[in-house]
């Protein structure tokens, strides 16, 4: 879990103080990381392999699906993070956490960027198996 937290904290460049501490102590990094990996993977697989429709073979639609996937991934991971931190602090009787909304927004931005990158990489992988959407993203 230590490597996962390092990856999601950009190897220390985005250490968010109490937020990062409580994320680690509550064990929230693992489910966040698995969500971050699985959602873009599933959406890219469905886009290129399952659907593989000529109407989807447009860069604008691919970008919209990628942005939507990143947004949904971000929302789900923020919900997971909020629940895990709240559950941990409640169980430990911690009343003042020092975790701010800005910490959640910063973490959400990092997750959004990682999700967009993963969707792009999975697209490069799956497009070779596609017949109609092979030319998207390029």
C-alpha atoms as a PDB file:
ATOM      1  CA  UNK A   1       0.000   0.000   0.000  1.00  0.00           C
ATOM      2  CA  UNK A   2       2.976   2.281   0.495  1.00  0.00           C
ATOM      3  CA  UNK A   3       3.778   2.308  -3.238  1.00  0.00           C
ATOM      4  CA  UNK A   4       0.141   3.025  -4.045  1.00  0.00           C
ATOM      5  CA  UNK A   5       0.099   6.017  -1.708  1.00  0.00           C
ATOM      6  CA  UNK A   6       3.356   7.255  -3.228  1.00  0.00           C
ATOM      7  CA  UNK A   7       1.917   7.015  -6.720  1.00  0.00           C
ATOM      8  CA  UNK A   8      -1.287   8.848  -5.766  1.00  0.00           C
ATOM      9  CA  UNK A   9       0.696  11.525  -3.895  1.00  0.00           C
ATOM     10  CA  UNK A  10       2.935  12.021  -6.946  1.00  0.00           C
ATOM     11  CA  UNK A  11       5.901  10.587  -5.038  1.00  0.00           C
ATOM     12  CA  UNK A  12       5.698  13.199  -2.292  1.00  0.00           C
ATOM     13  CA  UNK A  13       5.100  16.219  -4.514  1.00  0.00           C
ATOM     14  CA  UNK A  14       1.411  16.272  -3.581  1.00  0.00           C
ATOM     15  CA  UNK A  15       1.568  15.243   0.065  1.00  0.00           C
ATOM     16  CA  UNK A  16      -1.559  16.752   1.607  1.00  0.00           C
ATOM     17  CA  UNK A  17      -0.714  16.593   5.303  1.00  0.00           C
ATOM     18  CA  UNK A  18      -3.559  15.293   7.451  1.00  0.00           C
ATOM     19  CA  UNK A  19      -5.513  14.173   4.400  1.00  0.00           C
ATOM     20  CA  UNK A  20      -2.683  11.899   3.261  1.00  0.00           C
ATOM     21  CA  UNK A  21      -2.103  10.689   6.814  1.00  0.00           C
ATOM     22  CA  UNK A  22      -5.735   9.708   7.326  1.00  0.00           C
ATOM     23  CA  UNK A  23      -5.976   8.186   3.848  1.00  0.00           C
ATOM     24  CA  UNK A  24      -3.039   5.943   4.674  1.00  0.00           C
ATOM     25  CA  UNK A  25      -4.194   5.056   8.200  1.00  0.00           C
ATOM     26  CA  UNK A  26      -7.731   4.255   7.070  1.00  0.00           C
ATOM     27  CA  UNK A  27      -6.528   2.065   4.212  1.00  0.00           C
ATOM     28  CA  UNK A  28      -8.307   4.170   1.621  1.00  0.00           C
ATOM     29  CA  UNK A  29      -5.513   4.187  -0.942  1.00  0.00           C
ATOM     30  CA  UNK A  30      -6.063   0.586  -2.067  1.00  0.00           C
ATOM     31  CA  UNK A  31      -9.764   0.833  -3.012  1.00  0.00           C
ATOM     32  CA  UNK A  32      -9.128   4.239  -4.597  1.00  0.00           C
ATOM     33  CA  UNK A  33      -6.270   2.802  -6.659  1.00  0.00           C
ATOM     34  CA  UNK A  34      -8.269  -0.225  -7.785  1.00  0.00           C
ATOM     35  CA  UNK A  35     -11.167   2.013  -8.787  1.00  0.00           C
ATOM     36  CA  UNK A  36      -8.729   4.245 -10.645  1.00  0.00           C
ATOM     37  CA  UNK A  37      -7.387   1.267 -12.575  1.00  0.00           C
ATOM     38  CA  UNK A  38     -10.617  -0.594 -13.251  1.00  0.00           C
ATOM     39  CA  UNK A  39     -12.996   2.135 -14.428  1.00  0.00           C
ATOM     40  CA  UNK A  40     -10.859   3.447 -17.315  1.00  0.00           C
ATOM     41  CA  UNK A  41      -9.945  -0.135 -18.218  1.00  0.00           C
ATOM     42  CA  UNK A  42     -13.582  -1.247 -18.376  1.00  0.00           C
ATOM     43  CA  UNK A  43     -14.753   1.828 -20.304  1.00  0.00           C
ATOM     44  CA  UNK A  44     -11.919   1.563 -22.851  1.00  0.00           C
ATOM     45  CA  UNK A  45     -12.630  -2.149 -23.278  1.00  0.00           C
ATOM     46  CA  UNK A  46     -16.343  -1.518 -23.828  1.00  0.00           C
ATOM     47  CA  UNK A  47     -15.637   1.376 -26.220  1.00  0.00           C
ATOM     48  CA  UNK A  48     -13.169  -0.511 -28.422  1.00  0.00           C
ATOM     49  CA  UNK A  49     -14.128  -4.170 -28.108  1.00  0.00           C
ATOM     50  CA  UNK A  50     -17.779  -4.464 -27.084  1.00  0.00           C
ATOM     51  CA  UNK A  51     -19.365  -1.480 -28.844  1.00  0.00           C
ATOM     52  CA  UNK A  52     -16.864  -0.856 -31.670  1.00  0.00           C
ATOM     53  CA  UNK A  53     -19.438   1.173 -33.586  1.00  0.00           C
ATOM     54  CA  UNK A  54     -18.729   3.481 -36.520  1.00  0.00           C
ATOM     55  CA  UNK A  55     -20.734   6.284 -34.875  1.00  0.00           C
ATOM     56  CA  UNK A  56     -18.233   6.278 -32.005  1.00  0.00           C
ATOM     57  CA  UNK A  57     -15.249   6.632 -34.341  1.00  0.00           C
ATOM     58  CA  UNK A  58     -14.894  10.375 -33.830  1.00  0.00           C
ATOM     59  CA  UNK A  59     -12.236  12.128 -31.785  1.00  0.00           C
ATOM     60  CA  UNK A  60     -14.800  14.422 -30.167  1.00  0.00           C
ATOM     61  CA  UNK A  61     -16.852  11.468 -28.892  1.00  0.00           C
ATOM     62  CA  UNK A  62     -13.720   9.673 -27.676  1.00  0.00           C
ATOM     63  CA  UNK A  63     -12.656  12.789 -25.749  1.00  0.00           C
ATOM     64  CA  UNK A  64     -16.136  13.152 -24.265  1.00  0.00           C
ATOM     65  CA  UNK A  65     -16.134   9.508 -23.145  1.00  0.00           C
ATOM     66  CA  UNK A  66     -12.631   9.909 -21.710  1.00  0.00           C
ATOM     67  CA  UNK A  67     -13.540  13.080 -19.825  1.00  0.00           C
ATOM     68  CA  UNK A  68     -16.758  11.501 -18.558  1.00  0.00           C
ATOM     69  CA  UNK A  69     -14.867   8.426 -17.407  1.00  0.00           C
ATOM     70  CA  UNK A  70     -12.337  10.586 -15.594  1.00  0.00           C
ATOM     71  CA  UNK A  71     -15.095  12.634 -13.950  1.00  0.00           C
ATOM     72  CA  UNK A  72     -16.996   9.546 -12.776  1.00  0.00           C
ATOM     73  CA  UNK A  73     -13.774   7.957 -11.521  1.00  0.00           C
ATOM     74  CA  UNK A  74     -12.940  11.126  -9.606  1.00  0.00           C
ATOM     75  CA  UNK A  75     -16.379  11.322  -7.998  1.00  0.00           C
ATOM     76  CA  UNK A  76     -16.330   7.658  -6.967  1.00  0.00           C
ATOM     77  CA  UNK A  77     -12.808   7.872  -5.523  1.00  0.00           C
ATOM     78  CA  UNK A  78     -13.672  11.039  -3.596  1.00  0.00           C
ATOM     79  CA  UNK A  79     -16.713   9.288  -2.122  1.00  0.00           C
ATOM     80  CA  UNK A  80     -14.526   6.340  -1.130  1.00  0.00           C
ATOM     81  CA  UNK A  81     -11.936   8.664   0.404  1.00  0.00           C
ATOM     82  CA  UNK A  82     -14.565  10.646   2.338  1.00  0.00           C
ATOM     83  CA  UNK A  83     -16.213   7.500   3.707  1.00  0.00           C
ATOM     84  CA  UNK A  84     -12.928   5.870   4.688  1.00  0.00           C
ATOM     85  CA  UNK A  85     -11.580   8.994   6.402  1.00  0.00           C
ATOM     86  CA  UNK A  86     -14.880   9.648   8.171  1.00  0.00           C
ATOM     87  CA  UNK A  87     -15.136   6.047   9.326  1.00  0.00           C
ATOM     88  CA  UNK A  88     -11.567   6.014  10.586  1.00  0.00           C
ATOM     89  CA  UNK A  89     -11.783   9.328  12.430  1.00  0.00           C
ATOM     90  CA  UNK A  90     -15.120   8.321  13.968  1.00  0.00           C
ATOM     91  CA  UNK A  91     -13.749   4.994  15.178  1.00  0.00           C
ATOM     92  CA  UNK A  92     -10.717   6.740  16.672  1.00  0.00           C
ATOM     93  CA  UNK A  93     -12.837   9.524  18.274  1.00  0.00           C
ATOM     94  CA  UNK A  94     -10.991  12.226  16.325  1.00  0.00           C
ATOM     95  CA  UNK A  95     -13.174  15.308  16.271  1.00  0.00           C
ATOM     96  CA  UNK A  96     -10.921  17.785  14.445  1.00  0.00           C
ATOM     97  CA  UNK A  97      -9.157  16.249  11.464  1.00  0.00           C
ATOM     98  CA  UNK A  98      -7.512  19.214   9.771  1.00  0.00           C
ATOM     99  CA  UNK A  99      -8.691  17.867   6.414  1.00  0.00           C
ATOM    100  CA  UNK A 100     -10.071  20.625   4.218  1.00  0.00           C
ATOM    101  CA  UNK A 101     -12.155  20.755   1.085  1.00  0.00           C
ATOM    102  CA  UNK A 102      -9.062  21.981  -0.762  1.00  0.00           C
ATOM    103  CA  UNK A 103      -7.337  18.694   0.112  1.00  0.00           C
ATOM    104  CA  UNK A 104     -10.183  16.731  -1.437  1.00  0.00           C
ATOM    105  CA  UNK A 105     -10.177  18.959  -4.534  1.00  0.00           C
ATOM    106  CA  UNK A 106      -6.418  18.581  -4.943  1.00  0.00           C
ATOM    107  CA  UNK A 107      -6.684  14.827  -4.602  1.00  0.00           C
ATOM    108  CA  UNK A 108      -9.602  14.824  -7.040  1.00  0.00           C
ATOM    109  CA  UNK A 109      -7.547  16.717  -9.608  1.00  0.00           C
ATOM    110  CA  UNK A 110      -4.728  14.164  -9.285  1.00  0.00           C
ATOM    111  CA  UNK A 111      -7.185  11.278  -9.706  1.00  0.00           C
ATOM    112  CA  UNK A 112      -8.780  12.979 -12.727  1.00  0.00           C
ATOM    113  CA  UNK A 113      -5.373  13.386 -14.393  1.00  0.00           C
ATOM    114  CA  UNK A 114      -4.365   9.787 -13.673  1.00  0.00           C
ATOM    115  CA  UNK A 115      -7.708   8.527 -14.949  1.00  0.00           C
ATOM    116  CA  UNK A 116      -7.392  10.496 -18.189  1.00  0.00           C
ATOM    117  CA  UNK A 117      -3.860   9.165 -18.667  1.00  0.00           C
ATOM    118  CA  UNK A 118      -4.965   5.587 -18.018  1.00  0.00           C
ATOM    119  CA  UNK A 119      -7.923   5.917 -20.387  1.00  0.00           C
ATOM    120  CA  UNK A 120      -5.520   7.143 -23.076  1.00  0.00           C
ATOM    121  CA  UNK A 121      -3.083   4.274 -22.465  1.00  0.00           C
ATOM    122  CA  UNK A 122      -5.840   1.650 -22.422  1.00  0.00           C
ATOM    123  CA  UNK A 123      -7.198   3.182 -25.631  1.00  0.00           C
ATOM    124  CA  UNK A 124      -3.823   2.689 -27.287  1.00  0.00           C
ATOM    125  CA  UNK A 125      -3.864  -0.918 -26.133  1.00  0.00           C
ATOM    126  CA  UNK A 126      -7.422  -1.807 -27.164  1.00  0.00           C
ATOM    127  CA  UNK A 127      -7.576   0.099 -30.441  1.00  0.00           C
ATOM    128  CA  UNK A 128      -5.419  -2.550 -32.091  1.00  0.00           C
ATOM    129  CA  UNK A 129      -8.203  -5.104 -31.517  1.00  0.00           C
ATOM    130  CA  UNK A 130     -10.916  -2.863 -32.904  1.00  0.00           C
ATOM    131  CA  UNK A 131     -12.112  -2.772 -36.490  1.00  0.00           C
ATOM    132  CA  UNK A 132     -14.249   0.373 -36.675  1.00  0.00           C
ATOM    133  CA  UNK A 133     -12.754   2.590 -33.964  1.00  0.00           C
ATOM    134  CA  UNK A 134      -9.154   1.692 -34.753  1.00  0.00           C
ATOM    135  CA  UNK A 135      -8.215   5.241 -35.855  1.00  0.00           C
ATOM    136  CA  UNK A 136      -9.321   6.907 -32.613  1.00  0.00           C
ATOM    137  CA  UNK A 137      -7.600   8.745 -30.875  1.00  0.00           C
ATOM    138  CA  UNK A 138      -5.195   8.884 -33.846  1.00  0.00           C
END
